[in-house]
Amino acid sequence: MTEYFYALDARKYYTNLMEAQKDMFQAFINFNSEIFEKESALPRKVKELVALGVAHTTQCPYCIEAHVKAAKKAGASNKEIAEAIFVAAALRAGGAFAHSTISMGVIQGMEGKEKVNP
């Protein structure tokens, strides 16, 4: 994918971030590598599918692109990638559904049926 709302060439500014905080930048790179590159309880494919779902929730186009490529490289099928996206969509929708209780509570409070916390 080559076109995003965010310019792909904006990645060139990572060098500015690195120059401004070299130690923190390197710590982030090391942390990311530790999570994705190191053998652990979760196979790489599973980690990439989790990351892909989260990337759709955070809506980062760079993360989506990177983790789709990494998931495919780790052996994920198109069906698995699509399912990870739908899992993320369900969780995102679930958040709105769960938070609806706040709105409904406010309405009840406004109608004098329930005390609303300020």
PDB file of N, CA and C in Angstrom:
ATOM      1  N   MET A   1       0.855  -1.169   0.000  1.00  0.00           N
ATOM      2  CA  MET A   1       0.000   0.000   0.000  1.00  0.00           C
ATOM      3  C   MET A   1       0.904   1.236   0.000  1.00  0.00           C
ATOM      4  N   THR A   2       0.604   2.165  -0.860  1.00  0.00           N
ATOM      5  CA  THR A   2       1.494   3.307  -0.986  1.00  0.00           C
ATOM      6  C   THR A   2       0.858   4.644  -0.646  1.00  0.00           C
ATOM      7  N   GLU A   3      -0.433   4.715  -0.506  1.00  0.00           N
ATOM      8  CA  GLU A   3      -1.088   5.985  -0.225  1.00  0.00           C
ATOM      9  C   GLU A   3      -1.825   5.937   1.108  1.00  0.00           C
ATOM     10  N   TYR A   4      -1.542   6.893   1.950  1.00  0.00           N
ATOM     11  CA  TYR A   4      -2.198   7.031   3.236  1.00  0.00           C
ATOM     12  C   TYR A   4      -2.520   8.500   3.447  1.00  0.00           C
ATOM     13  N   PHE A   5      -3.351   8.753   4.422  1.00  0.00           N
ATOM     14  CA  PHE A   5      -3.573  10.125   4.852  1.00  0.00           C
ATOM     15  C   PHE A   5      -2.251  10.685   5.376  1.00  0.00           C
ATOM     16  N   TYR A   6      -1.484   9.821   6.051  1.00  0.00           N
ATOM     17  CA  TYR A   6      -0.153  10.164   6.535  1.00  0.00           C
ATOM     18  C   TYR A   6       0.853   9.796   5.455  1.00  0.00           C
ATOM     19  N   ALA A   7       1.757  10.689   5.153  1.00  0.00           N
ATOM     20  CA  ALA A   7       2.747  10.423   4.111  1.00  0.00           C
ATOM     21  C   ALA A   7       3.723   9.344   4.565  1.00  0.00           C
ATOM     22  N   LEU A   8       3.977   8.386   3.682  1.00  0.00           N
ATOM     23  CA  LEU A   8       4.929   7.330   4.011  1.00  0.00           C
ATOM     24  C   LEU A   8       6.330   7.891   4.203  1.00  0.00           C
ATOM     25  N   ASP A   9       6.657   8.967   3.506  1.00  0.00           N
ATOM     26  CA  ASP A   9       7.999   9.515   3.660  1.00  0.00           C
ATOM     27  C   ASP A   9       8.187  10.224   5.003  1.00  0.00           C
ATOM     28  N   ALA A  10       7.119  10.344   5.791  1.00  0.00           N
ATOM     29  CA  ALA A  10       7.253  10.939   7.124  1.00  0.00           C
ATOM     30  C   ALA A  10       8.137  10.077   8.020  1.00  0.00           C
ATOM     31  N   ARG A  11       8.324   8.819   7.650  1.00  0.00           N
ATOM     32  CA  ARG A  11       9.197   7.943   8.427  1.00  0.00           C
ATOM     33  C   ARG A  11      10.626   8.472   8.476  1.00  0.00           C
ATOM     34  N   LYS A  12      10.973   9.326   7.539  1.00  0.00           N
ATOM     35  CA  LYS A  12      12.325   9.887   7.524  1.00  0.00           C
ATOM     36  C   LYS A  12      12.594  10.702   8.789  1.00  0.00           C
ATOM     37  N   TYR A  13      11.540  11.149   9.469  1.00  0.00           N
ATOM     38  CA  TYR A  13      11.712  11.943  10.678  1.00  0.00           C
ATOM     39  C   TYR A  13      12.057  11.111  11.902  1.00  0.00           C
ATOM     40  N   TYR A  14      12.030   9.796  11.762  1.00  0.00           N
ATOM     41  CA  TYR A  14      12.488   8.950  12.871  1.00  0.00           C
ATOM     42  C   TYR A  14      13.924   9.282  13.235  1.00  0.00           C
ATOM     43  N   THR A  15      14.725   9.677  12.270  1.00  0.00           N
ATOM     44  CA  THR A  15      16.114  10.033  12.585  1.00  0.00           C
ATOM     45  C   THR A  15      16.156  11.260  13.498  1.00  0.00           C
ATOM     46  N   ASN A  16      15.230  12.190  13.320  1.00  0.00           N
ATOM     47  CA  ASN A  16      15.168  13.351  14.203  1.00  0.00           C
ATOM     48  C   ASN A  16      14.795  12.932  15.621  1.00  0.00           C
ATOM     49  N   LEU A  17      13.868  12.009  15.715  1.00  0.00           N
ATOM     50  CA  LEU A  17      13.480  11.490  17.024  1.00  0.00           C
ATOM     51  C   LEU A  17      14.661  10.803  17.685  1.00  0.00           C
ATOM     52  N   MET A  18      15.385  10.007  16.900  1.00  0.00           N
ATOM     53  CA  MET A  18      16.548   9.305  17.425  1.00  0.00           C
ATOM     54  C   MET A  18      17.628  10.291  17.891  1.00  0.00           C
ATOM     55  N   GLU A  19      17.870  11.315  17.097  1.00  0.00           N
ATOM     56  CA  GLU A  19      18.882  12.301  17.464  1.00  0.00           C
ATOM     57  C   GLU A  19      18.493  13.067  18.722  1.00  0.00           C
ATOM     58  N   ALA A  20      17.213  13.327  18.897  1.00  0.00           N
ATOM     59  CA  ALA A  20      16.737  14.081  20.059  1.00  0.00           C
ATOM     60  C   ALA A  20      16.815  13.261  21.345  1.00  0.00           C
ATOM     61  N   GLN A  21      16.581  11.947  21.240  1.00  0.00           N
ATOM     62  CA  GLN A  21      16.593  11.069  22.424  1.00  0.00           C
ATOM     63  C   GLN A  21      17.144   9.700  22.028  1.00  0.00           C
ATOM     64  N   LYS A  22      18.426   9.651  21.774  1.00  0.00           N
ATOM     65  CA  LYS A  22      19.052   8.433  21.256  1.00  0.00           C
ATOM     66  C   LYS A  22      18.837   7.227  22.174  1.00  0.00           C
ATOM     67  N   ASP A  23      19.049   7.394  23.470  1.00  0.00           N
ATOM     68  CA  ASP A  23      18.916   6.264  24.399  1.00  0.00           C
ATOM     69  C   ASP A  23      17.480   5.743  24.457  1.00  0.00           C
ATOM     70  N   MET A  24      16.523   6.660  24.512  1.00  0.00           N
ATOM     71  CA  MET A  24      15.122   6.237  24.551  1.00  0.00           C
ATOM     72  C   MET A  24      14.715   5.591  23.234  1.00  0.00           C
ATOM     73  N   PHE A  25      15.175   6.149  22.141  1.00  0.00           N
ATOM     74  CA  PHE A  25      14.880   5.577  20.827  1.00  0.00           C
ATOM     75  C   PHE A  25      15.403   4.148  20.759  1.00  0.00           C
ATOM     76  N   GLN A  26      16.645   3.956  21.169  1.00  0.00           N
ATOM     77  CA  GLN A  26      17.239   2.616  21.135  1.00  0.00           C
ATOM     78  C   GLN A  26      16.526   1.667  22.091  1.00  0.00           C
ATOM     79  N   ALA A  27      16.107   2.171  23.239  1.00  0.00           N
ATOM     80  CA  ALA A  27      15.367   1.340  24.192  1.00  0.00           C
ATOM     81  C   ALA A  27      14.054   0.858  23.567  1.00  0.00           C
ATOM     82  N   PHE A  28      13.393   1.735  22.819  1.00  0.00           N
ATOM     83  CA  PHE A  28      12.153   1.337  22.149  1.00  0.00           C
ATOM     84  C   PHE A  28      12.428   0.272  21.102  1.00  0.00           C
ATOM     85  N   ILE A  29      13.469   0.462  20.301  1.00  0.00           N
ATOM     86  CA  ILE A  29      13.834  -0.524  19.280  1.00  0.00           C
ATOM     87  C   ILE A  29      14.153  -1.860  19.933  1.00  0.00           C
ATOM     88  N   ASN A  30      14.897  -1.826  21.016  1.00  0.00           N
ATOM     89  CA  ASN A  30      15.247  -3.061  21.728  1.00  0.00           C
ATOM     90  C   ASN A  30      14.006  -3.738  22.301  1.00  0.00           C
ATOM     91  N   PHE A  31      13.116  -2.947  22.875  1.00  0.00           N
ATOM     92  CA  PHE A  31      11.876  -3.490  23.442  1.00  0.00           C
ATOM     93  C   PHE A  31      11.050  -4.156  22.353  1.00  0.00           C
ATOM     94  N   ASN A  32      10.875  -3.460  21.246  1.00  0.00           N
ATOM     95  CA  ASN A  32      10.101  -4.003  20.131  1.00  0.00           C
ATOM     96  C   ASN A  32      10.715  -5.310  19.631  1.00  0.00           C
ATOM     97  N   SER A  33      12.024  -5.334  19.506  1.00  0.00           N
ATOM     98  CA  SER A  33      12.708  -6.555  19.062  1.00  0.00           C
ATOM     99  C   SER A  33      12.541  -7.689  20.069  1.00  0.00           C
ATOM    100  N   GLU A  34      12.612  -7.357  21.325  1.00  0.00           N
ATOM    101  CA  GLU A  34      12.442  -8.367  22.379  1.00  0.00           C
ATOM    102  C   GLU A  34      11.057  -9.000  22.292  1.00  0.00           C
ATOM    103  N   ILE A  35      10.061  -8.204  22.004  1.00  0.00           N
ATOM    104  CA  ILE A  35       8.688  -8.705  21.918  1.00  0.00           C
ATOM    105  C   ILE A  35       8.482  -9.556  20.671  1.00  0.00           C
ATOM    106  N   PHE A  36       8.901  -9.070  19.532  1.00  0.00           N
ATOM    107  CA  PHE A  36       8.578  -9.746  18.278  1.00  0.00           C
ATOM    108  C   PHE A  36       9.630 -10.738  17.790  1.00  0.00           C
ATOM    109  N   GLU A  37      10.876 -10.521  18.095  1.00  0.00           N
ATOM    110  CA  GLU A  37      11.930 -11.363  17.533  1.00  0.00           C
ATOM    111  C   GLU A  37      12.303 -12.544  18.421  1.00  0.00           C
ATOM    112  N   LYS A  38      12.170 -12.387  19.709  1.00  0.00           N
ATOM    113  CA  LYS A  38      12.609 -13.419  20.651  1.00  0.00           C
ATOM    114  C   LYS A  38      11.605 -14.567  20.707  1.00  0.00           C
ATOM    115  N   GLU A  39      12.119 -15.791  20.759  1.00  0.00           N
ATOM    116  CA  GLU A  39      11.263 -16.967  20.957  1.00  0.00           C
ATOM    117  C   GLU A  39      10.603 -16.844  22.324  1.00  0.00           C
ATOM    118  N   SER A  40       9.314 -17.125  22.371  1.00  0.00           N
ATOM    119  CA  SER A  40       8.587 -17.005  23.632  1.00  0.00           C
ATOM    120  C   SER A  40       7.378 -17.933  23.613  1.00  0.00           C
ATOM    121  N   ALA A  41       6.473 -17.737  24.553  1.00  0.00           N
ATOM    122  CA  ALA A  41       5.300 -18.600  24.673  1.00  0.00           C
ATOM    123  C   ALA A  41       4.383 -18.508  23.460  1.00  0.00           C
ATOM    124  N   LEU A  42       4.293 -17.331  22.863  1.00  0.00           N
ATOM    125  CA  LEU A  42       3.434 -17.148  21.687  1.00  0.00           C
ATOM    126  C   LEU A  42       4.255 -17.264  20.413  1.00  0.00           C
ATOM    127  N   PRO A  43       3.777 -18.031  19.455  1.00  0.00           N
ATOM    128  CA  PRO A  43       4.471 -18.077  18.164  1.00  0.00           C
ATOM    129  C   PRO A  43       4.416 -16.714  17.475  1.00  0.00           C
ATOM    130  N   ARG A  44       5.371 -16.453  16.626  1.00  0.00           N
ATOM    131  CA  ARG A  44       5.470 -15.161  15.924  1.00  0.00           C
ATOM    132  C   ARG A  44       4.168 -14.827  15.192  1.00  0.00           C
ATOM    133  N   LYS A  45       3.566 -15.815  14.540  1.00  0.00           N
ATOM    134  CA  LYS A  45       2.331 -15.562  13.799  1.00  0.00           C
ATOM    135  C   LYS A  45       1.238 -15.038  14.727  1.00  0.00           C
ATOM    136  N   VAL A  46       1.107 -15.624  15.898  1.00  0.00           N
ATOM    137  CA  VAL A  46       0.087 -15.187  16.850  1.00  0.00           C
ATOM    138  C   VAL A  46       0.371 -13.761  17.314  1.00  0.00           C
ATOM    139  N   LYS A  47       1.633 -13.468  17.614  1.00  0.00           N
ATOM    140  CA  LYS A  47       1.995 -12.109  18.031  1.00  0.00           C
ATOM    141  C   LYS A  47       1.650 -11.098  16.942  1.00  0.00           C
ATOM    142  N   GLU A  48       1.921 -11.452  15.701  1.00  0.00           N
ATOM    143  CA  GLU A  48       1.639 -10.533  14.599  1.00  0.00           C
ATOM    144  C   GLU A  48       0.142 -10.344  14.397  1.00  0.00           C
ATOM    145  N   LEU A  49      -0.636 -11.397  14.592  1.00  0.00           N
ATOM    146  CA  LEU A  49      -2.094 -11.262  14.476  1.00  0.00           C
ATOM    147  C   LEU A  49      -2.655 -10.397  15.602  1.00  0.00           C
ATOM    148  N   VAL A  50      -2.121 -10.556  16.802  1.00  0.00           N
ATOM    149  CA  VAL A  50      -2.523  -9.692  17.918  1.00  0.00           C
ATOM    150  C   VAL A  50      -2.159  -8.243  17.591  1.00  0.00           C
ATOM    151  N   ALA A  51      -0.921  -8.049  17.130  1.00  0.00           N
ATOM    152  CA  ALA A  51      -0.465  -6.695  16.791  1.00  0.00           C
ATOM    153  C   ALA A  51      -1.315  -6.081  15.685  1.00  0.00           C
ATOM    154  N   LEU A  52      -1.705  -6.898  14.740  1.00  0.00           N
ATOM    155  CA  LEU A  52      -2.535  -6.412  13.640  1.00  0.00           C
ATOM    156  C   LEU A  52      -3.904  -5.961  14.141  1.00  0.00           C
ATOM    157  N   GLY A  53      -4.488  -6.731  15.049  1.00  0.00           N
ATOM    158  CA  GLY A  53      -5.763  -6.326  15.634  1.00  0.00           C
ATOM    159  C   GLY A  53      -5.638  -5.025  16.405  1.00  0.00           C
ATOM    160  N   VAL A  54      -4.588  -4.914  17.189  1.00  0.00           N
ATOM    161  CA  VAL A  54      -4.366  -3.690  17.960  1.00  0.00           C
ATOM    162  C   VAL A  54      -4.113  -2.513  17.023  1.00  0.00           C
ATOM    163  N   ALA A  55      -3.361  -2.755  15.956  1.00  0.00           N
ATOM    164  CA  ALA A  55      -3.081  -1.688  14.989  1.00  0.00           C
ATOM    165  C   ALA A  55      -4.363  -1.163  14.363  1.00  0.00           C
ATOM    166  N   HIS A  56      -5.321  -2.027  14.144  1.00  0.00           N
ATOM    167  CA  HIS A  56      -6.610  -1.563  13.612  1.00  0.00           C
ATOM    168  C   HIS A  56      -7.384  -0.790  14.668  1.00  0.00           C
ATOM    169  N   THR A  57      -7.195  -1.123  15.919  1.00  0.00           N
ATOM    170  CA  THR A  57      -7.861  -0.396  16.997  1.00  0.00           C
ATOM    171  C   THR A  57      -7.237   0.979  17.185  1.00  0.00           C
ATOM    172  N   THR A  58      -5.902   1.046  17.123  1.00  0.00           N
ATOM    173  CA  THR A  58      -5.227   2.336  17.270  1.00  0.00           C
ATOM    174  C   THR A  58      -5.244   3.123  15.966  1.00  0.00           C
ATOM    175  N   GLN A  59      -5.583   2.461  14.884  1.00  0.00           N
ATOM    176  CA  GLN A  59      -5.726   3.049  13.551  1.00  0.00           C
ATOM    177  C   GLN A  59      -4.430   3.654  13.024  1.00  0.00           C
ATOM    178  N   CYS A  60      -3.320   2.979  13.285  1.00  0.00           N
ATOM    179  CA  CYS A  60      -2.024   3.428  12.782  1.00  0.00           C
ATOM    180  C   CYS A  60      -1.755   2.765  11.433  1.00  0.00           C
ATOM    181  N   PRO A  61      -1.762   3.533  10.342  1.00  0.00           N
ATOM    182  CA  PRO A  61      -1.564   2.930   9.028  1.00  0.00           C
ATOM    183  C   PRO A  61      -0.189   2.281   8.869  1.00  0.00           C
ATOM    184  N   TYR A  62       0.821   2.849   9.525  1.00  0.00           N
ATOM    185  CA  TYR A  62       2.163   2.268   9.435  1.00  0.00           C
ATOM    186  C   TYR A  62       2.208   0.910  10.125  1.00  0.00           C
ATOM    187  N   CYS A  63       1.586   0.833  11.299  1.00  0.00           N
ATOM    188  CA  CYS A  63       1.549  -0.436  12.036  1.00  0.00           C
ATOM    189  C   CYS A  63       0.741  -1.480  11.283  1.00  0.00           C
ATOM    190  N   ILE A  64      -0.372  -1.067  10.701  1.00  0.00           N
ATOM    191  CA  ILE A  64      -1.191  -1.999   9.930  1.00  0.00           C
ATOM    192  C   ILE A  64      -0.361  -2.593   8.806  1.00  0.00           C
ATOM    193  N   GLU A  65       0.278  -1.740   8.032  1.00  0.00           N
ATOM    194  CA  GLU A  65       1.085  -2.224   6.914  1.00  0.00           C
ATOM    195  C   GLU A  65       2.207  -3.152   7.389  1.00  0.00           C
ATOM    196  N   ALA A  66       2.934  -2.725   8.396  1.00  0.00           N
ATOM    197  CA  ALA A  66       4.069  -3.510   8.883  1.00  0.00           C
ATOM    198  C   ALA A  66       3.629  -4.866   9.434  1.00  0.00           C
ATOM    199  N   HIS A  67       2.534  -4.873  10.191  1.00  0.00           N
ATOM    200  CA  HIS A  67       2.119  -6.125  10.821  1.00  0.00           C
ATOM    201  C   HIS A  67       1.389  -7.054   9.856  1.00  0.00           C
ATOM    202  N   VAL A  68       0.746  -6.522   8.818  1.00  0.00           N
ATOM    203  CA  VAL A  68       0.194  -7.403   7.775  1.00  0.00           C
ATOM    204  C   VAL A  68       1.351  -8.120   7.089  1.00  0.00           C
ATOM    205  N   LYS A  69       2.363  -7.370   6.716  1.00  0.00           N
ATOM    206  CA  LYS A  69       3.520  -7.976   6.047  1.00  0.00           C
ATOM    207  C   LYS A  69       4.195  -9.007   6.947  1.00  0.00           C
ATOM    208  N   ALA A  70       4.368  -8.656   8.222  1.00  0.00           N
ATOM    209  CA  ALA A  70       5.021  -9.575   9.157  1.00  0.00           C
ATOM    210  C   ALA A  70       4.160 -10.812   9.415  1.00  0.00           C
ATOM    211  N   ALA A  71       2.842 -10.620   9.493  1.00  0.00           N
ATOM    212  CA  ALA A  71       1.946 -11.770   9.710  1.00  0.00           C
ATOM    213  C   ALA A  71       1.988 -12.715   8.519  1.00  0.00           C
ATOM    214  N   LYS A  72       1.962 -12.160   7.313  1.00  0.00           N
ATOM    215  CA  LYS A  72       2.053 -13.003   6.113  1.00  0.00           C
ATOM    216  C   LYS A  72       3.381 -13.753   6.097  1.00  0.00           C
ATOM    217  N   LYS A  73       4.450 -13.057   6.425  1.00  0.00           N
ATOM    218  CA  LYS A  73       5.779 -13.679   6.459  1.00  0.00           C
ATOM    219  C   LYS A  73       5.837 -14.794   7.506  1.00  0.00           C
ATOM    220  N   ALA A  74       5.089 -14.621   8.597  1.00  0.00           N
ATOM    221  CA  ALA A  74       5.061 -15.625   9.666  1.00  0.00           C
ATOM    222  C   ALA A  74       4.099 -16.769   9.357  1.00  0.00           C
ATOM    223  N   GLY A  75       3.430 -16.703   8.204  1.00  0.00           N
ATOM    224  CA  GLY A  75       2.566 -17.801   7.789  1.00  0.00           C
ATOM    225  C   GLY A  75       1.087 -17.596   7.979  1.00  0.00           C
ATOM    226  N   ALA A  76       0.670 -16.393   8.333  1.00  0.00           N
ATOM    227  CA  ALA A  76      -0.759 -16.136   8.529  1.00  0.00           C
ATOM    228  C   ALA A  76      -1.488 -16.138   7.185  1.00  0.00           C
ATOM    229  N   SER A  77      -2.673 -16.718   7.200  1.00  0.00           N
ATOM    230  CA  SER A  77      -3.499 -16.731   5.990  1.00  0.00           C
ATOM    231  C   SER A  77      -4.317 -15.443   5.906  1.00  0.00           C
ATOM    232  N   ASN A  78      -4.845 -15.185   4.741  1.00  0.00           N
ATOM    233  CA  ASN A  78      -5.726 -14.019   4.571  1.00  0.00           C
ATOM    234  C   ASN A  78      -6.935 -14.134   5.490  1.00  0.00           C
ATOM    235  N   LYS A  79      -7.430 -15.348   5.653  1.00  0.00           N
ATOM    236  CA  LYS A  79      -8.585 -15.581   6.514  1.00  0.00           C
ATOM    237  C   LYS A  79      -8.244 -15.256   7.974  1.00  0.00           C
ATOM    238  N   GLU A  80      -7.054 -15.636   8.431  1.00  0.00           N
ATOM    239  CA  GLU A  80      -6.639 -15.331   9.801  1.00  0.00           C
ATOM    240  C   GLU A  80      -6.473 -13.824   9.998  1.00  0.00           C
ATOM    241  N   ILE A  81      -5.897 -13.156   9.013  1.00  0.00           N
ATOM    242  CA  ILE A  81      -5.719 -11.707   9.095  1.00  0.00           C
ATOM    243  C   ILE A  81      -7.076 -11.017   9.155  1.00  0.00           C
ATOM    244  N   ALA A  82      -8.003 -11.435   8.301  1.00  0.00           N
ATOM    245  CA  ALA A  82      -9.347 -10.852   8.313  1.00  0.00           C
ATOM    246  C   ALA A  82     -10.035 -11.091   9.654  1.00  0.00           C
ATOM    247  N   GLU A  83      -9.860 -12.276  10.208  1.00  0.00           N
ATOM    248  CA  GLU A  83     -10.485 -12.576  11.498  1.00  0.00           C
ATOM    249  C   GLU A  83      -9.908 -11.705  12.605  1.00  0.00           C
ATOM    250  N   ALA A  84      -8.602 -11.481  12.584  1.00  0.00           N
ATOM    251  CA  ALA A  84      -7.983 -10.596  13.579  1.00  0.00           C
ATOM    252  C   ALA A  84      -8.569  -9.193  13.488  1.00  0.00           C
ATOM    253  N   ILE A  85      -8.832  -8.738  12.272  1.00  0.00           N
ATOM    254  CA  ILE A  85      -9.432  -7.419  12.070  1.00  0.00           C
ATOM    255  C   ILE A  85     -10.846  -7.391  12.638  1.00  0.00           C
ATOM    256  N   PHE A  86     -11.614  -8.450  12.403  1.00  0.00           N
ATOM    257  CA  PHE A  86     -12.983  -8.487  12.928  1.00  0.00           C
ATOM    258  C   PHE A  86     -13.002  -8.609  14.448  1.00  0.00           C
ATOM    259  N   VAL A  87     -12.032  -9.302  15.022  1.00  0.00           N
ATOM    260  CA  VAL A  87     -11.933  -9.361  16.485  1.00  0.00           C
ATOM    261  C   VAL A  87     -11.706  -7.949  17.024  1.00  0.00           C
ATOM    262  N   ALA A  88     -10.791  -7.214  16.391  1.00  0.00           N
ATOM    263  CA  ALA A  88     -10.532  -5.833  16.805  1.00  0.00           C
ATOM    264  C   ALA A  88     -11.783  -4.974  16.652  1.00  0.00           C
ATOM    265  N   ALA A  89     -12.498  -5.138  15.552  1.00  0.00           N
ATOM    266  CA  ALA A  89     -13.720  -4.363  15.322  1.00  0.00           C
ATOM    267  C   ALA A  89     -14.763  -4.672  16.388  1.00  0.00           C
ATOM    268  N   ALA A  90     -14.879  -5.938  16.757  1.00  0.00           N
ATOM    269  CA  ALA A  90     -15.849  -6.328  17.789  1.00  0.00           C
ATOM    270  C   ALA A  90     -15.487  -5.703  19.135  1.00  0.00           C
ATOM    271  N   LEU A  91     -14.205  -5.693  19.467  1.00  0.00           N
ATOM    272  CA  LEU A  91     -13.783  -5.102  20.730  1.00  0.00           C
ATOM    273  C   LEU A  91     -14.010  -3.595  20.734  1.00  0.00           C
ATOM    274  N   ARG A  92     -13.731  -2.976  19.620  1.00  0.00           N
ATOM    275  CA  ARG A  92     -13.932  -1.525  19.521  1.00  0.00           C
ATOM    276  C   ARG A  92     -15.423  -1.197  19.662  1.00  0.00           C
ATOM    277  N   ALA A  93     -16.257  -1.959  18.997  1.00  0.00           N
ATOM    278  CA  ALA A  93     -17.704  -1.766  19.113  1.00  0.00           C
ATOM    279  C   ALA A  93     -18.166  -2.086  20.527  1.00  0.00           C
ATOM    280  N   GLY A  94     -17.571  -3.099  21.120  1.00  0.00           N
ATOM    281  CA  GLY A  94     -17.923  -3.471  22.489  1.00  0.00           C
ATOM    282  C   GLY A  94     -17.635  -2.354  23.478  1.00  0.00           C
ATOM    283  N   GLY A  95     -16.570  -1.612  23.231  1.00  0.00           N
ATOM    284  CA  GLY A  95     -16.253  -0.475  24.094  1.00  0.00           C
ATOM    285  C   GLY A  95     -17.342   0.573  24.055  1.00  0.00           C
ATOM    286  N   ALA A  96     -17.820   0.870  22.860  1.00  0.00           N
ATOM    287  CA  ALA A  96     -18.913   1.845  22.734  1.00  0.00           C
ATOM    288  C   ALA A  96     -20.166   1.320  23.418  1.00  0.00           C
ATOM    289  N   PHE A  97     -20.448   0.034  23.244  1.00  0.00           N
ATOM    290  CA  PHE A  97     -21.618  -0.571  23.868  1.00  0.00           C
ATOM    291  C   PHE A  97     -21.502  -0.511  25.392  1.00  0.00           C
ATOM    292  N   ALA A  98     -20.335  -0.868  25.916  1.00  0.00           N
ATOM    293  CA  ALA A  98     -20.130  -0.858  27.368  1.00  0.00           C
ATOM    294  C   ALA A  98     -20.256   0.565  27.928  1.00  0.00           C
ATOM    295  N   HIS A  99     -19.701   1.539  27.217  1.00  0.00           N
ATOM    296  CA  HIS A  99     -19.761   2.911  27.690  1.00  0.00           C
ATOM    297  C   HIS A  99     -21.138   3.542  27.517  1.00  0.00           C
ATOM    298  N   SER A 100     -22.025   2.867  26.819  1.00  0.00           N
ATOM    299  CA  SER A 100     -23.389   3.375  26.691  1.00  0.00           C
ATOM    300  C   SER A 100     -24.066   3.473  28.053  1.00  0.00           C
ATOM    301  N   THR A 101     -23.590   2.681  28.995  1.00  0.00           N
ATOM    302  CA  THR A 101     -24.182   2.718  30.335  1.00  0.00           C
ATOM    303  C   THR A 101     -23.977   4.086  30.989  1.00  0.00           C
ATOM    304  N   ILE A 102     -22.896   4.775  30.626  1.00  0.00           N
ATOM    305  CA  ILE A 102     -22.674   6.128  31.148  1.00  0.00           C
ATOM    306  C   ILE A 102     -23.779   7.051  30.639  1.00  0.00           C
ATOM    307  N   SER A 103     -24.015   7.003  29.327  1.00  0.00           N
ATOM    308  CA  SER A 103     -25.057   7.851  28.739  1.00  0.00           C
ATOM    309  C   SER A 103     -26.427   7.532  29.319  1.00  0.00           C
ATOM    310  N   MET A 104     -26.743   6.277  29.426  1.00  0.00           N
ATOM    311  CA  MET A 104     -28.053   5.880  29.941  1.00  0.00           C
ATOM    312  C   MET A 104     -28.203   6.285  31.401  1.00  0.00           C
ATOM    313  N   GLY A 105     -27.102   6.214  32.161  1.00  0.00           N
ATOM    314  CA  GLY A 105     -27.133   6.660  33.556  1.00  0.00           C
ATOM    315  C   GLY A 105     -27.354   8.161  33.669  1.00  0.00           C
ATOM    316  N   VAL A 106     -26.726   8.930  32.784  1.00  0.00           N
ATOM    317  CA  VAL A 106     -26.921  10.376  32.779  1.00  0.00           C
ATOM    318  C   VAL A 106     -28.385  10.706  32.474  1.00  0.00           C
ATOM    319  N   ILE A 107     -28.946  10.025  31.483  1.00  0.00           N
ATOM    320  CA  ILE A 107     -30.362  10.256  31.139  1.00  0.00           C
ATOM    321  C   ILE A 107     -31.251   9.946  32.334  1.00  0.00           C
ATOM    322  N   GLN A 108     -31.004   8.823  32.975  1.00  0.00           N
ATOM    323  CA  GLN A 108     -31.804   8.461  34.146  1.00  0.00           C
ATOM    324  C   GLN A 108     -31.679   9.524  35.233  1.00  0.00           C
ATOM    325  N   GLY A 109     -30.468  10.016  35.431  1.00  0.00           N
ATOM    326  CA  GLY A 109     -30.243  11.072  36.424  1.00  0.00           C
ATOM    327  C   GLY A 109     -30.958  12.361  36.084  1.00  0.00           C
ATOM    328  N   MET A 110     -30.928  12.719  34.808  1.00  0.00           N
ATOM    329  CA  MET A 110     -31.598  13.942  34.358  1.00  0.00           C
ATOM    330  C   MET A 110     -33.108  13.841  34.518  1.00  0.00           C
ATOM    331  N   GLU A 111     -33.610  12.658  34.420  1.00  0.00           N
ATOM    332  CA  GLU A 111     -35.049  12.434  34.556  1.00  0.00           C
ATOM    333  C   GLU A 111     -35.437  12.218  36.017  1.00  0.00           C
ATOM    334  N   GLY A 112     -34.435  12.339  36.908  1.00  0.00           N
ATOM    335  CA  GLY A 112     -34.699  12.212  38.335  1.00  0.00           C
ATOM    336  C   GLY A 112     -34.927  10.796  38.805  1.00  0.00           C
ATOM    337  N   LYS A 113     -34.595   9.851  38.000  1.00  0.00           N
ATOM    338  CA  LYS A 113     -34.829   8.456  38.361  1.00  0.00           C
ATOM    339  C   LYS A 113     -33.638   7.842  39.088  1.00  0.00           C
ATOM    340  N   GLU A 114     -32.494   8.504  39.002  1.00  0.00           N
ATOM    341  CA  GLU A 114     -31.289   7.956  39.608  1.00  0.00           C
ATOM    342  C   GLU A 114     -30.340   9.113  39.901  1.00  0.00           C
ATOM    343  N   LYS A 115     -29.604   9.001  40.988  1.00  0.00           N
ATOM    344  CA  LYS A 115     -28.645  10.024  41.321  1.00  0.00           C
ATOM    345  C   LYS A 115     -27.426   9.878  40.403  1.00  0.00           C
ATOM    346  N   VAL A 116     -26.980  11.001  39.843  1.00  0.00           N
ATOM    347  CA  VAL A 116     -25.811  11.011  38.971  1.00  0.00           C
ATOM    348  C   VAL A 116     -24.634  11.584  39.741  1.00  0.00           C
ATOM    349  N   ASN A 117     -23.505  10.902  39.682  1.00  0.00           N
ATOM    350  CA  ASN A 117     -22.295  11.441  40.297  1.00  0.00           C
ATOM    351  C   ASN A 117     -21.781  12.602  39.486  1.00  0.00           C
ATOM    352  N   PRO A 118     -21.420  13.711  40.156  1.00  0.00           N
ATOM    353  CA  PRO A 118     -20.942  14.886  39.419  1.00  0.00           C
ATOM    354  C   PRO A 118     -19.609  14.637  38.751  1.00  0.00           C
TER     355      PRO A 118
END
